Amino acid sequence: MPRYRATLLIELKEGILDPQGRAVEGVLKDLGHPVESVRVGKVLEIVFPAETLLEAERKALEFGKTLANPVMEVYALEALKELP
């Protein structure tokens, strides 16, 4: 069965406070980098079997739905690749 690697990005929704992002922003500014804002999220790379690319996409989106907190987070499928 073919194997796929999905890259998922999970981020806090707009308007949700991001203390980790604020800390990183402060460090960068203290080091002299002119940043406007920083948001911290999670990148997940998941390797799994699927019969077709369409099935792999469906499974990857289901992983995002399962792993993201719908009250505070949004998720996106950033990349999906069949592995050799």
C-alpha atoms as a PDB file:
ATOM      1  CA  MET A   1       0.000   0.000   0.000  1.00  0.00           C
ATOM      2  CA  PRO A   2       1.376   3.474  -0.817  1.00  0.00           C
ATOM      3  CA  ARG A   3       2.663   5.647   2.017  1.00  0.00           C
ATOM      4  CA  TYR A   4       2.157   9.394   2.289  1.00  0.00           C
ATOM      5  CA  ARG A   5       3.630  12.210   4.359  1.00  0.00           C
ATOM      6  CA  ALA A   6       1.253  14.979   5.379  1.00  0.00           C
ATOM      7  CA  THR A   7       2.470  18.274   6.795  1.00  0.00           C
ATOM      8  CA  LEU A   8      -0.165  19.919   8.987  1.00  0.00           C
ATOM      9  CA  LEU A   9       0.004  23.413  10.450  1.00  0.00           C
ATOM     10  CA  ILE A  10      -1.989  24.125  13.614  1.00  0.00           C
ATOM     11  CA  GLU A  11      -2.238  27.750  14.744  1.00  0.00           C
ATOM     12  CA  LEU A  12      -4.163  29.726  17.311  1.00  0.00           C
ATOM     13  CA  LYS A  13      -7.202  31.536  15.943  1.00  0.00           C
ATOM     14  CA  GLU A  14      -7.002  35.295  15.445  1.00  0.00           C
ATOM     15  CA  GLY A  15      -7.858  37.061  18.677  1.00  0.00           C
ATOM     16  CA  ILE A  16      -6.602  34.246  20.921  1.00  0.00           C
ATOM     17  CA  LEU A  17      -3.742  35.431  23.127  1.00  0.00           C
ATOM     18  CA  ASP A  18      -0.401  33.852  22.242  1.00  0.00           C
ATOM     19  CA  PRO A  19       1.979  34.266  25.212  1.00  0.00           C
ATOM     20  CA  GLN A  20       4.637  32.114  23.552  1.00  0.00           C
ATOM     21  CA  GLY A  21       4.506  34.273  20.429  1.00  0.00           C
ATOM     22  CA  ARG A  22       4.763  37.431  22.533  1.00  0.00           C
ATOM     23  CA  ALA A  23       7.853  36.038  24.294  1.00  0.00           C
ATOM     24  CA  VAL A  24       9.541  35.223  20.979  1.00  0.00           C
ATOM     25  CA  GLU A  25       8.587  38.662  19.650  1.00  0.00           C
ATOM     26  CA  GLY A  26      10.175  40.287  22.714  1.00  0.00           C
ATOM     27  CA  VAL A  27      13.416  38.345  22.309  1.00  0.00           C
ATOM     28  CA  LEU A  28      13.676  39.227  18.621  1.00  0.00           C
ATOM     29  CA  LYS A  29      13.026  42.917  19.338  1.00  0.00           C
ATOM     30  CA  ASP A  30      15.581  42.887  22.177  1.00  0.00           C
ATOM     31  CA  LEU A  31      18.126  41.523  19.687  1.00  0.00           C
ATOM     32  CA  GLY A  32      17.411  44.422  17.356  1.00  0.00           C
ATOM     33  CA  HIS A  33      15.181  42.684  14.802  1.00  0.00           C
ATOM     34  CA  PRO A  34      12.330  44.918  13.598  1.00  0.00           C
ATOM     35  CA  VAL A  35       9.448  42.417  13.815  1.00  0.00           C
ATOM     36  CA  GLU A  36       5.821  43.514  13.980  1.00  0.00           C
ATOM     37  CA  SER A  37       4.373  40.375  15.538  1.00  0.00           C
ATOM     38  CA  VAL A  38       5.056  36.677  16.095  1.00  0.00           C
ATOM     39  CA  ARG A  39       2.578  33.813  16.363  1.00  0.00           C
ATOM     40  CA  VAL A  40       3.698  30.353  17.463  1.00  0.00           C
ATOM     41  CA  GLY A  41       2.029  27.230  16.082  1.00  0.00           C
ATOM     42  CA  LYS A  42       2.685  23.547  15.587  1.00  0.00           C
ATOM     43  CA  VAL A  43       3.912  21.741  12.491  1.00  0.00           C
ATOM     44  CA  LEU A  44       3.130  18.038  12.368  1.00  0.00           C
ATOM     45  CA  GLU A  45       4.579  15.592   9.840  1.00  0.00           C
ATOM     46  CA  ILE A  46       2.596  12.380   9.767  1.00  0.00           C
ATOM     47  CA  VAL A  47       3.499   9.309   7.675  1.00  0.00           C
ATOM     48  CA  PHE A  48       0.637   6.892   7.013  1.00  0.00           C
ATOM     49  CA  PRO A  49      -0.658   4.402   4.435  1.00  0.00           C
ATOM     50  CA  ALA A  50      -3.495   5.148   2.015  1.00  0.00           C
ATOM     51  CA  GLU A  51      -4.728   3.531  -1.192  1.00  0.00           C
ATOM     52  CA  THR A  52      -5.009   6.771  -3.201  1.00  0.00           C
ATOM     53  CA  LEU A  53      -4.004  10.424  -3.047  1.00  0.00           C
ATOM     54  CA  LEU A  54      -7.643  11.374  -2.460  1.00  0.00           C
ATOM     55  CA  GLU A  55      -7.897   8.971   0.490  1.00  0.00           C
ATOM     56  CA  ALA A  56      -4.594  10.317   1.856  1.00  0.00           C
ATOM     57  CA  GLU A  57      -5.902  13.887   1.679  1.00  0.00           C
ATOM     58  CA  ARG A  58      -9.115  12.871   3.458  1.00  0.00           C
ATOM     59  CA  LYS A  59      -7.139  11.108   6.201  1.00  0.00           C
ATOM     60  CA  ALA A  60      -4.726  14.035   6.612  1.00  0.00           C
ATOM     61  CA  LEU A  61      -7.607  16.501   7.042  1.00  0.00           C
ATOM     62  CA  GLU A  62      -9.176  14.137   9.578  1.00  0.00           C
ATOM     63  CA  PHE A  63      -5.882  14.125  11.526  1.00  0.00           C
ATOM     64  CA  GLY A  64      -5.999  17.926  11.633  1.00  0.00           C
ATOM     65  CA  LYS A  65      -9.604  17.922  12.785  1.00  0.00           C
ATOM     66  CA  THR A  66      -8.746  15.408  15.504  1.00  0.00           C
ATOM     67  CA  LEU A  67      -5.578  17.142  16.741  1.00  0.00           C
ATOM     68  CA  ALA A  68      -6.622  20.803  16.654  1.00  0.00           C
ATOM     69  CA  ASN A  69      -8.724  22.295  19.433  1.00  0.00           C
ATOM     70  CA  PRO A  70     -11.671  23.770  17.481  1.00  0.00           C
ATOM     71  CA  VAL A  71     -12.352  26.376  20.161  1.00  0.00           C
ATOM     72  CA  MET A  72      -8.874  27.932  19.983  1.00  0.00           C
ATOM     73  CA  GLU A  73      -7.072  26.605  16.908  1.00  0.00           C
ATOM     74  CA  VAL A  74      -7.303  26.312  13.140  1.00  0.00           C
ATOM     75  CA  TYR A  75      -5.462  23.783  10.992  1.00  0.00           C
ATOM     76  CA  ALA A  76      -4.333  23.543   7.395  1.00  0.00           C
ATOM     77  CA  LEU A  77      -2.879  20.805   5.247  1.00  0.00           C
ATOM     78  CA  GLU A  78       0.346  22.449   4.060  1.00  0.00           C
ATOM     79  CA  ALA A  79       1.737  19.563   1.992  1.00  0.00           C
ATOM     80  CA  LEU A  80       0.927  15.990   1.044  1.00  0.00           C
ATOM     81  CA  LYS A  81       3.466  13.766  -0.697  1.00  0.00           C
ATOM     82  CA  GLU A  82       3.547  10.132  -1.729  1.00  0.00           C
ATOM     83  CA  LEU A  83       6.689   8.448  -0.414  1.00  0.00           C
ATOM     84  CA  PRO A  84       8.851   6.092  -2.478  1.00  0.00           C
END
